[in-house]
Amino acid sequence: MGEMAGFDKPILHGLCTFGITARAIFQAFHKEDPNLMKSISARMTSHVFPGETLVVEKWREGNTVVF
């Protein structure tokens, strides 16, 4: 996919990045009851290359987790 998009090396697919982020949120806020996580949405804004560090900043605003 990276080559098709014009990159000279592999990229981490957006769905993989999304999955890593969802897991971090789940472990921080919903580990004791998976049913509390009703939905998640995100906007992909840039590419990620394998090996780069992903930092997920997350906090609660009422019943919503912002990340």
PDB file of N, CA and C in Angstrom:
ATOM      1  N   MET A   1       0.831  -1.196   0.000  1.00  0.00           N
ATOM      2  CA  MET A   1       0.000   0.000   0.000  1.00  0.00           C
ATOM      3  C   MET A   1       0.875   1.260   0.000  1.00  0.00           C
ATOM      4  N   GLY A   2       1.965   1.201   0.752  1.00  0.00           N
ATOM      5  CA  GLY A   2       2.851   2.361   0.788  1.00  0.00           C
ATOM      6  C   GLY A   2       3.408   2.708  -0.572  1.00  0.00           C
ATOM      7  N   GLU A   3       3.819   1.687  -1.306  1.00  0.00           N
ATOM      8  CA  GLU A   3       4.352   1.905  -2.648  1.00  0.00           C
ATOM      9  C   GLU A   3       3.289   2.490  -3.570  1.00  0.00           C
ATOM     10  N   MET A   4       2.057   1.979  -3.474  1.00  0.00           N
ATOM     11  CA  MET A   4       0.968   2.497  -4.301  1.00  0.00           C
ATOM     12  C   MET A   4       0.664   3.958  -3.988  1.00  0.00           C
ATOM     13  N   ALA A   5       0.921   4.359  -2.742  1.00  0.00           N
ATOM     14  CA  ALA A   5       0.665   5.743  -2.334  1.00  0.00           C
ATOM     15  C   ALA A   5       1.864   6.647  -2.595  1.00  0.00           C
ATOM     16  N   GLY A   6       2.938   6.105  -3.151  1.00  0.00           N
ATOM     17  CA  GLY A   6       4.090   6.925  -3.500  1.00  0.00           C
ATOM     18  C   GLY A   6       5.193   6.948  -2.456  1.00  0.00           C
ATOM     19  N   PHE A   7       5.102   6.116  -1.425  1.00  0.00           N
ATOM     20  CA  PHE A   7       6.150   6.054  -0.410  1.00  0.00           C
ATOM     21  C   PHE A   7       7.209   5.059  -0.849  1.00  0.00           C
ATOM     22  N   ASP A   8       8.472   5.322  -0.459  1.00  0.00           N
ATOM     23  CA  ASP A   8       9.547   4.416  -0.837  1.00  0.00           C
ATOM     24  C   ASP A   8       9.768   3.297   0.178  1.00  0.00           C
ATOM     25  N   LYS A   9       8.974   3.275   1.248  1.00  0.00           N
ATOM     26  CA  LYS A   9       9.044   2.200   2.235  1.00  0.00           C
ATOM     27  C   LYS A   9       7.641   1.929   2.771  1.00  0.00           C
ATOM     28  N   PRO A  10       7.454   0.805   3.486  1.00  0.00           N
ATOM     29  CA  PRO A  10       6.118   0.467   3.989  1.00  0.00           C
ATOM     30  C   PRO A  10       5.570   1.525   4.944  1.00  0.00           C
ATOM     31  N   ILE A  11       4.260   1.623   5.006  1.00  0.00           N
ATOM     32  CA  ILE A  11       3.600   2.488   5.984  1.00  0.00           C
ATOM     33  C   ILE A  11       2.709   1.612   6.866  1.00  0.00           C
ATOM     34  N   LEU A  12       2.431   2.090   8.064  1.00  0.00           N
ATOM     35  CA  LEU A  12       1.509   1.396   8.957  1.00  0.00           C
ATOM     36  C   LEU A  12       0.096   1.807   8.547  1.00  0.00           C
ATOM     37  N   HIS A  13      -0.719   0.847   8.175  1.00  0.00           N
ATOM     38  CA  HIS A  13      -2.069   1.115   7.695  1.00  0.00           C
ATOM     39  C   HIS A  13      -2.876   1.851   8.766  1.00  0.00           C
ATOM     40  N   GLY A  14      -3.726   2.759   8.373  1.00  0.00           N
ATOM     41  CA  GLY A  14      -4.541   3.540   9.302  1.00  0.00           C
ATOM     42  C   GLY A  14      -5.398   2.681  10.214  1.00  0.00           C
ATOM     43  N   LEU A  15      -5.912   1.570   9.705  1.00  0.00           N
ATOM     44  CA  LEU A  15      -6.724   0.691  10.550  1.00  0.00           C
ATOM     45  C   LEU A  15      -5.892   0.034  11.644  1.00  0.00           C
ATOM     46  N   CYS A  16      -4.616  -0.216  11.372  1.00  0.00           N
ATOM     47  CA  CYS A  16      -3.728  -0.767  12.399  1.00  0.00           C
ATOM     48  C   CYS A  16      -3.492   0.282  13.487  1.00  0.00           C
ATOM     49  N   THR A  17      -3.219   1.506  13.077  1.00  0.00           N
ATOM     50  CA  THR A  17      -3.046   2.601  14.029  1.00  0.00           C
ATOM     51  C   THR A  17      -4.309   2.790  14.855  1.00  0.00           C
ATOM     52  N   PHE A  18      -5.453   2.723  14.219  1.00  0.00           N
ATOM     53  CA  PHE A  18      -6.750   2.852  14.889  1.00  0.00           C
ATOM     54  C   PHE A  18      -6.931   1.745  15.926  1.00  0.00           C
ATOM     55  N   GLY A  19      -6.564   0.522  15.569  1.00  0.00           N
ATOM     56  CA  GLY A  19      -6.676  -0.606  16.484  1.00  0.00           C
ATOM     57  C   GLY A  19      -5.778  -0.455  17.703  1.00  0.00           C
ATOM     58  N   ILE A  20      -4.555   0.011  17.495  1.00  0.00           N
ATOM     59  CA  ILE A  20      -3.630   0.240  18.608  1.00  0.00           C
ATOM     60  C   ILE A  20      -4.199   1.301  19.542  1.00  0.00           C
ATOM     61  N   THR A  21      -4.769   2.350  18.975  1.00  0.00           N
ATOM     62  CA  THR A  21      -5.368   3.422  19.773  1.00  0.00           C
ATOM     63  C   THR A  21      -6.576   2.922  20.549  1.00  0.00           C
ATOM     64  N   ALA A  22      -7.445   2.170  19.899  1.00  0.00           N
ATOM     65  CA  ALA A  22      -8.632   1.629  20.574  1.00  0.00           C
ATOM     66  C   ALA A  22      -8.229   0.736  21.735  1.00  0.00           C
ATOM     67  N   ARG A  23      -7.199  -0.066  21.545  1.00  0.00           N
ATOM     68  CA  ARG A  23      -6.727  -0.957  22.617  1.00  0.00           C
ATOM     69  C   ARG A  23      -6.208  -0.148  23.800  1.00  0.00           C
ATOM     70  N   ALA A  24      -5.467   0.920  23.546  1.00  0.00           N
ATOM     71  CA  ALA A  24      -4.942   1.765  24.627  1.00  0.00           C
ATOM     72  C   ALA A  24      -6.085   2.401  25.421  1.00  0.00           C
ATOM     73  N   ILE A  25      -7.118   2.864  24.725  1.00  0.00           N
ATOM     74  CA  ILE A  25      -8.274   3.467  25.394  1.00  0.00           C
ATOM     75  C   ILE A  25      -9.021   2.410  26.198  1.00  0.00           C
ATOM     76  N   PHE A  26      -9.221   1.240  25.608  1.00  0.00           N
ATOM     77  CA  PHE A  26      -9.912   0.151  26.295  1.00  0.00           C
ATOM     78  C   PHE A  26      -9.185  -0.219  27.584  1.00  0.00           C
ATOM     79  N   GLN A  27      -7.873  -0.385  27.507  1.00  0.00           N
ATOM     80  CA  GLN A  27      -7.107  -0.785  28.686  1.00  0.00           C
ATOM     81  C   GLN A  27      -7.115   0.284  29.775  1.00  0.00           C
ATOM     82  N   ALA A  28      -7.164   1.536  29.392  1.00  0.00           N
ATOM     83  CA  ALA A  28      -7.129   2.624  30.376  1.00  0.00           C
ATOM     84  C   ALA A  28      -8.487   2.872  31.034  1.00  0.00           C
ATOM     85  N   PHE A  29      -9.587   2.694  30.289  1.00  0.00           N
ATOM     86  CA  PHE A  29     -10.890   3.132  30.798  1.00  0.00           C
ATOM     87  C   PHE A  29     -11.963   2.049  30.882  1.00  0.00           C
ATOM     88  N   HIS A  30     -11.845   0.968  30.133  1.00  0.00           N
ATOM     89  CA  HIS A  30     -12.945   0.006  30.038  1.00  0.00           C
ATOM     90  C   HIS A  30     -12.540  -1.433  30.325  1.00  0.00           C
ATOM     91  N   LYS A  31     -11.380  -1.630  30.894  1.00  0.00           N
ATOM     92  CA  LYS A  31     -10.858  -2.983  31.087  1.00  0.00           C
ATOM     93  C   LYS A  31     -11.789  -3.873  31.908  1.00  0.00           C
ATOM     94  N   GLU A  32     -12.422  -3.276  32.936  1.00  0.00           N
ATOM     95  CA  GLU A  32     -13.273  -4.083  33.820  1.00  0.00           C
ATOM     96  C   GLU A  32     -14.621  -4.426  33.194  1.00  0.00           C
ATOM     97  N   ASP A  33     -15.082  -3.644  32.211  1.00  0.00           N
ATOM     98  CA  ASP A  33     -16.360  -3.934  31.560  1.00  0.00           C
ATOM     99  C   ASP A  33     -16.308  -3.519  30.093  1.00  0.00           C
ATOM    100  N   PRO A  34     -16.005  -4.450  29.187  1.00  0.00           N
ATOM    101  CA  PRO A  34     -15.881  -4.123  27.766  1.00  0.00           C
ATOM    102  C   PRO A  34     -17.138  -3.506  27.164  1.00  0.00           C
ATOM    103  N   ASN A  35     -18.308  -3.764  27.749  1.00  0.00           N
ATOM    104  CA  ASN A  35     -19.554  -3.214  27.205  1.00  0.00           C
ATOM    105  C   ASN A  35     -19.668  -1.707  27.379  1.00  0.00           C
ATOM    106  N   LEU A  36     -18.798  -1.106  28.202  1.00  0.00           N
ATOM    107  CA  LEU A  36     -18.834   0.350  28.379  1.00  0.00           C
ATOM    108  C   LEU A  36     -18.338   1.096  27.141  1.00  0.00           C
ATOM    109  N   MET A  37     -17.529   0.445  26.325  1.00  0.00           N
ATOM    110  CA  MET A  37     -17.010   1.085  25.110  1.00  0.00           C
ATOM    111  C   MET A  37     -18.028   0.878  23.998  1.00  0.00           C
ATOM    112  N   LYS A  38     -18.849   1.884  23.751  1.00  0.00           N
ATOM    113  CA  LYS A  38     -19.958   1.774  22.794  1.00  0.00           C
ATOM    114  C   LYS A  38     -19.540   2.078  21.358  1.00  0.00           C
ATOM    115  N   SER A  39     -18.698   3.089  21.171  1.00  0.00           N
ATOM    116  CA  SER A  39     -18.262   3.442  19.822  1.00  0.00           C
ATOM    117  C   SER A  39     -16.950   4.210  19.903  1.00  0.00           C
ATOM    118  N   ILE A  40     -16.282   4.281  18.770  1.00  0.00           N
ATOM    119  CA  ILE A  40     -15.029   5.035  18.676  1.00  0.00           C
ATOM    120  C   ILE A  40     -14.923   5.557  17.245  1.00  0.00           C
ATOM    121  N   SER A  41     -14.423   6.762  17.100  1.00  0.00           N
ATOM    122  CA  SER A  41     -14.201   7.314  15.765  1.00  0.00           C
ATOM    123  C   SER A  41     -12.943   8.169  15.786  1.00  0.00           C
ATOM    124  N   ALA A  42     -12.326   8.291  14.633  1.00  0.00           N
ATOM    125  CA  ALA A  42     -11.089   9.060  14.528  1.00  0.00           C
ATOM    126  C   ALA A  42     -10.937   9.589  13.111  1.00  0.00           C
ATOM    127  N   ARG A  43     -10.037  10.526  12.970  1.00  0.00           N
ATOM    128  CA  ARG A  43      -9.696  11.094  11.666  1.00  0.00           C
ATOM    129  C   ARG A  43      -8.209  10.850  11.442  1.00  0.00           C
ATOM    130  N   MET A  44      -7.876  10.189  10.365  1.00  0.00           N
ATOM    131  CA  MET A  44      -6.471   9.930  10.047  1.00  0.00           C
ATOM    132  C   MET A  44      -5.909  11.174   9.357  1.00  0.00           C
ATOM    133  N   THR A  45      -4.783  11.687   9.872  1.00  0.00           N
ATOM    134  CA  THR A  45      -4.257  12.938   9.328  1.00  0.00           C
ATOM    135  C   THR A  45      -2.871  12.819   8.703  1.00  0.00           C
ATOM    136  N   SER A  46      -2.163  11.728   8.997  1.00  0.00           N
ATOM    137  CA  SER A  46      -0.820  11.608   8.451  1.00  0.00           C
ATOM    138  C   SER A  46      -0.400  10.142   8.438  1.00  0.00           C
ATOM    139  N   HIS A  47       0.695   9.871   7.791  1.00  0.00           N
ATOM    140  CA  HIS A  47       1.193   8.505   7.703  1.00  0.00           C
ATOM    141  C   HIS A  47       2.033   8.167   8.935  1.00  0.00           C
ATOM    142  N   VAL A  48       2.161   6.868   9.176  1.00  0.00           N
ATOM    143  CA  VAL A  48       3.018   6.352  10.241  1.00  0.00           C
ATOM    144  C   VAL A  48       3.871   5.256   9.615  1.00  0.00           C
ATOM    145  N   PHE A  49       5.145   5.274   9.917  1.00  0.00           N
ATOM    146  CA  PHE A  49       6.039   4.239   9.413  1.00  0.00           C
ATOM    147  C   PHE A  49       6.264   3.195  10.498  1.00  0.00           C
ATOM    148  N   PRO A  50       6.339   1.914  10.140  1.00  0.00           N
ATOM    149  CA  PRO A  50       6.608   0.873  11.131  1.00  0.00           C
ATOM    150  C   PRO A  50       7.877   1.196  11.916  1.00  0.00           C
ATOM    151  N   GLY A  51       7.797   1.004  13.226  1.00  0.00           N
ATOM    152  CA  GLY A  51       8.929   1.296  14.116  1.00  0.00           C
ATOM    153  C   GLY A  51       8.805   2.634  14.810  1.00  0.00           C
ATOM    154  N   GLU A  52       7.973   3.533  14.284  1.00  0.00           N
ATOM    155  CA  GLU A  52       7.768   4.814  14.961  1.00  0.00           C
ATOM    156  C   GLU A  52       6.951   4.591  16.231  1.00  0.00           C
ATOM    157  N   THR A  53       7.133   5.465  17.197  1.00  0.00           N
ATOM    158  CA  THR A  53       6.408   5.370  18.458  1.00  0.00           C
ATOM    159  C   THR A  53       5.088   6.111  18.349  1.00  0.00           C
ATOM    160  N   LEU A  54       4.005   5.441  18.734  1.00  0.00           N
ATOM    161  CA  LEU A  54       2.689   6.077  18.770  1.00  0.00           C
ATOM    162  C   LEU A  54       2.393   6.468  20.213  1.00  0.00           C
ATOM    163  N   VAL A  55       2.036   7.712  20.435  1.00  0.00           N
ATOM    164  CA  VAL A  55       1.668   8.207  21.760  1.00  0.00           C
ATOM    165  C   VAL A  55       0.180   8.513  21.726  1.00  0.00           C
ATOM    166  N   VAL A  56      -0.588   7.882  22.618  1.00  0.00           N
ATOM    167  CA  VAL A  56      -2.023   8.102  22.682  1.00  0.00           C
ATOM    168  C   VAL A  56      -2.320   8.882  23.955  1.00  0.00           C
ATOM    169  N   GLU A  57      -2.653  10.145  23.805  1.00  0.00           N
ATOM    170  CA  GLU A  57      -3.076  10.963  24.949  1.00  0.00           C
ATOM    171  C   GLU A  57      -4.579  10.833  25.065  1.00  0.00           C
ATOM    172  N   LYS A  58      -5.061  10.536  26.265  1.00  0.00           N
ATOM    173  CA  LYS A  58      -6.487  10.281  26.452  1.00  0.00           C
ATOM    174  C   LYS A  58      -6.920  10.791  27.805  1.00  0.00           C
ATOM    175  N   TRP A  59      -8.148  11.306  27.864  1.00  0.00           N
ATOM    176  CA  TRP A  59      -8.720  11.788  29.110  1.00  0.00           C
ATOM    177  C   TRP A  59     -10.227  11.692  29.034  1.00  0.00           C
ATOM    178  N   ARG A  60     -10.839  11.776  30.191  1.00  0.00           N
ATOM    179  CA  ARG A  60     -12.295  11.671  30.298  1.00  0.00           C
ATOM    180  C   ARG A  60     -12.912  13.061  30.397  1.00  0.00           C
ATOM    181  N   GLU A  61     -13.996  13.269  29.671  1.00  0.00           N
ATOM    182  CA  GLU A  61     -14.832  14.472  29.781  1.00  0.00           C
ATOM    183  C   GLU A  61     -16.252  13.969  29.980  1.00  0.00           C
ATOM    184  N   GLY A  62     -16.683  13.872  31.235  1.00  0.00           N
ATOM    185  CA  GLY A  62     -17.990  13.297  31.543  1.00  0.00           C
ATOM    186  C   GLY A  62     -17.983  11.829  31.211  1.00  0.00           C
ATOM    187  N   ASN A  63     -18.915  11.391  30.370  1.00  0.00           N
ATOM    188  CA  ASN A  63     -18.995   9.987  29.952  1.00  0.00           C
ATOM    189  C   ASN A  63     -18.233   9.715  28.665  1.00  0.00           C
ATOM    190  N   THR A  64     -17.490  10.698  28.182  1.00  0.00           N
ATOM    191  CA  THR A  64     -16.765  10.579  26.922  1.00  0.00           C
ATOM    192  C   THR A  64     -15.270  10.537  27.160  1.00  0.00           C
ATOM    193  N   VAL A  65     -14.581   9.688  26.416  1.00  0.00           N
ATOM    194  CA  VAL A  65     -13.129   9.663  26.437  1.00  0.00           C
ATOM    195  C   VAL A  65     -12.646  10.407  25.196  1.00  0.00           C
ATOM    196  N   VAL A  66     -11.822  11.402  25.402  1.00  0.00           N
ATOM    197  CA  VAL A  66     -11.244  12.188  24.295  1.00  0.00           C
ATOM    198  C   VAL A  66      -9.821  11.708  24.112  1.00  0.00           C
ATOM    199  N   PHE A  67      -9.412  11.544  22.856  1.00  0.00           N
ATOM    200  CA  PHE A  67      -8.026  11.110  22.609  1.00  0.00           C
ATOM    201  C   PHE A  67      -7.454  11.807  21.407  1.00  0.00           C
TER     202      PHE A  67
END
